[in-house]
Amino acid sequence: ATTKLDAALGDAGEAAGLLIRSNIVDQLFAKHKEVEERQAALALEERRVAELRAAVEAQGEDLRARRAEFEAEHDLIKRHESITAGRVKLNVGGEKSIETSVETLASASLFFRALFSGAWKKEEGEVFVDRDPKYFEVLLTFLRSRDGDALREYVPLS
């Protein structure tokens, strides 16, 4: 009876061992399937990341191009401001409007140097100069050229 019992226990042990091995194999297959699903999900995410990276790069290129356009336009505006910042419109004698550079006037006259230094607050627009426009134009021509010959036709030489 012990041999039969031992044989029965041995068969039961083998069956239990097979059952345990079968359970382990099932778990391995389940884990393998889970790993494959995660790898597929990861591959999908990597594709999405690559697409997003490409979209961001394209937007970056667009922004760089737009920034270059903006900076070029900004440079043009700054250049224009620097050119026109040195200009002034004069209302001479209430009759004539003359435009000239601040440098032309400030280089020859302490009055204009002080006026355009920022020490005086001047109104926007034209600066009124209470002088005869006919003679002021001659003076301005001389200041622009610094040539005494510009005055010869207006000033008689003795």
Protein backbone atom coordinates (compact mmCIF):
# COMPACT_ATOMS: atom_id res chain seq x y z
CA ALA A 1 0.00 0.00 0.00
CA THR A 2 2.87 2.36 0.60
CA THR A 3 4.13 1.85 -2.90
CA LYS A 4 0.77 2.62 -4.31
CA LEU A 5 0.55 5.63 -2.04
CA ASP A 6 4.04 6.70 -3.00
CA ALA A 7 3.17 6.23 -6.67
CA ALA A 8 -0.03 8.19 -6.24
CA LEU A 9 1.83 10.95 -4.41
CA GLY A 10 4.52 10.93 -7.08
CA ASP A 11 1.89 11.24 -9.80
CA ALA A 12 0.17 14.02 -7.85
CA GLY A 13 3.51 15.75 -7.37
CA GLU A 14 4.24 15.49 -11.06
CA ALA A 15 0.80 16.80 -11.88
CA ALA A 16 1.32 19.67 -9.41
CA GLY A 17 4.73 20.37 -10.93
CA LEU A 18 3.21 20.42 -14.42
CA LEU A 19 0.45 22.67 -13.19
CA ILE A 20 2.97 25.05 -11.61
CA ARG A 21 5.12 25.04 -14.78
CA SER A 22 2.02 25.63 -16.88
CA ASN A 23 1.04 28.56 -14.65
CA ILE A 24 4.57 30.01 -14.94
CA VAL A 25 4.48 29.66 -18.73
CA ASP A 26 1.09 31.36 -18.82
CA GLN A 27 2.49 34.20 -16.69
CA LEU A 28 5.52 34.49 -18.98
CA PHE A 29 3.28 34.66 -22.05
CA ALA A 30 1.11 37.28 -20.33
CA LYS A 31 4.22 39.31 -19.41
CA HIS A 32 5.57 38.90 -22.94
CA LYS A 33 2.25 40.14 -24.37
CA GLU A 34 2.29 43.10 -21.93
CA VAL A 35 5.88 43.96 -22.97
CA GLU A 36 4.89 43.82 -26.65
CA GLU A 37 1.87 46.09 -26.00
CA ARG A 38 4.08 48.56 -24.11
CA GLN A 39 6.67 48.48 -26.90
CA ALA A 40 3.93 49.19 -29.46
CA ALA A 41 2.62 52.06 -27.31
CA LEU A 42 6.17 53.36 -26.91
CA ALA A 43 6.75 53.21 -30.67
CA LEU A 44 3.51 55.12 -31.21
CA GLU A 45 4.58 57.76 -28.66
CA GLU A 46 8.01 58.02 -30.31
CA ARG A 47 6.31 58.69 -33.67
CA ARG A 48 4.11 61.34 -32.07
CA VAL A 49 7.14 62.94 -30.43
CA ALA A 50 8.96 62.94 -33.79
CA GLU A 51 5.94 64.57 -35.46
CA LEU A 52 5.71 67.18 -32.71
CA ARG A 53 9.46 67.80 -32.90
CA ALA A 54 9.16 68.34 -36.67
CA ALA A 55 6.22 70.72 -36.15
CA VAL A 56 8.14 72.66 -33.49
CA GLU A 57 11.19 72.85 -35.78
CA ALA A 58 9.01 74.14 -38.63
CA GLN A 59 7.50 76.76 -36.33
CA GLY A 60 10.99 77.65 -35.15
CA GLU A 61 12.12 78.18 -38.74
CA ASP A 62 9.07 80.34 -39.37
CA LEU A 63 9.73 82.36 -36.23
CA ARG A 64 13.40 82.81 -37.16
CA ALA A 65 12.39 84.05 -40.61
CA ARG A 66 9.80 86.40 -39.13
CA ARG A 67 12.33 87.64 -36.58
CA ALA A 68 14.85 88.35 -39.34
CA GLU A 69 12.15 90.31 -41.23
CA PHE A 70 11.24 92.19 -38.04
CA GLU A 71 14.87 93.00 -37.27
CA ALA A 72 15.44 94.23 -40.84
CA GLU A 73 12.35 96.43 -40.59
CA HIS A 74 13.43 97.61 -37.14
CA ASP A 75 16.87 98.52 -38.53
CA LEU A 76 15.22 100.50 -41.33
CA ILE A 77 13.07 102.37 -38.83
CA LYS A 78 16.06 103.10 -36.61
CA ARG A 79 18.05 104.30 -39.62
CA HIS A 80 15.16 106.52 -40.68
CA GLU A 81 14.81 107.87 -37.15
CA SER A 82 18.51 108.67 -36.96
CA ILE A 83 18.34 110.47 -40.30
CA THR A 84 15.18 112.41 -39.52
CA ALA A 85 16.08 113.01 -35.89
CA GLY A 86 18.61 115.53 -37.11
CA ARG A 87 16.03 117.45 -39.14
CA VAL A 88 14.05 120.48 -38.13
CA LYS A 89 11.37 122.56 -39.78
CA LEU A 90 11.66 126.29 -39.33
CA ASN A 91 8.86 128.79 -39.73
CA VAL A 92 10.83 131.86 -40.75
CA GLY A 93 9.07 135.17 -40.26
CA GLY A 94 5.69 133.47 -40.34
CA GLU A 95 5.94 133.37 -44.14
CA LYS A 96 8.21 130.52 -45.11
CA SER A 97 8.75 126.93 -43.97
CA ILE A 98 12.31 125.70 -44.32
CA GLU A 99 13.65 122.25 -43.47
CA THR A 100 17.30 121.78 -42.59
CA SER A 101 19.50 119.71 -40.34
CA VAL A 102 19.95 120.44 -36.67
CA GLU A 103 23.70 120.10 -37.18
CA THR A 104 23.75 122.89 -39.77
CA LEU A 105 22.10 125.30 -37.38
CA ALA A 106 23.75 124.15 -34.13
CA SER A 107 27.26 124.22 -35.60
CA ALA A 108 27.06 127.95 -36.29
CA SER A 109 24.76 129.38 -33.65
CA LEU A 110 24.79 129.23 -29.89
CA PHE A 111 21.07 130.03 -29.95
CA PHE A 112 20.24 126.99 -32.08
CA ARG A 113 22.76 124.81 -30.22
CA ALA A 114 20.97 125.64 -26.95
CA LEU A 115 17.53 125.27 -28.54
CA PHE A 116 18.25 121.76 -29.79
CA SER A 117 20.29 120.63 -26.79
CA GLY A 118 17.17 119.72 -24.86
CA ALA A 119 17.73 122.50 -22.34
CA TRP A 120 14.62 124.25 -23.64
CA LYS A 121 11.34 122.55 -24.14
CA LYS A 122 10.24 123.23 -27.68
CA GLU A 123 6.86 122.42 -29.16
CA GLU A 124 6.45 119.70 -31.75
CA GLY A 125 6.32 120.82 -35.34
CA GLU A 126 7.96 123.91 -36.75
CA VAL A 127 10.28 126.18 -34.80
CA PHE A 128 9.41 129.85 -35.27
CA VAL A 129 12.35 132.10 -36.19
CA ASP A 130 11.48 135.78 -36.11
CA ARG A 131 13.63 136.87 -39.04
CA ASP A 132 13.17 137.98 -42.64
CA PRO A 133 12.85 134.81 -44.74
CA LYS A 134 14.72 136.36 -47.69
CA TYR A 135 17.88 136.94 -45.63
CA PHE A 136 17.53 133.80 -43.57
CA GLU A 137 17.69 131.66 -46.73
CA VAL A 138 20.96 133.39 -47.68
CA LEU A 139 22.34 132.77 -44.22
CA LEU A 140 21.24 129.11 -44.35
CA THR A 141 22.86 128.68 -47.78
CA PHE A 142 26.11 129.98 -46.31
CA LEU A 143 25.84 127.71 -43.26
CA ARG A 144 25.26 124.68 -45.48
CA SER A 145 28.18 125.33 -47.81
CA ARG A 146 30.52 127.40 -45.61
CA ASP A 147 31.46 129.11 -48.86
CA GLY A 148 31.80 132.89 -48.79
CA ASP A 149 30.99 133.00 -52.50
CA ALA A 150 27.39 132.10 -51.61
CA LEU A 151 27.10 135.55 -50.00
CA ARG A 152 28.68 137.58 -52.85
CA GLU A 153 25.46 138.20 -54.75
CA TYR A 154 23.74 139.48 -51.59
CA VAL A 155 26.58 141.37 -49.93
CA PRO A 156 28.23 144.11 -51.97
CA LEU A 157 31.98 143.99 -51.77
CA SER A 158 33.72 147.36 -51.50
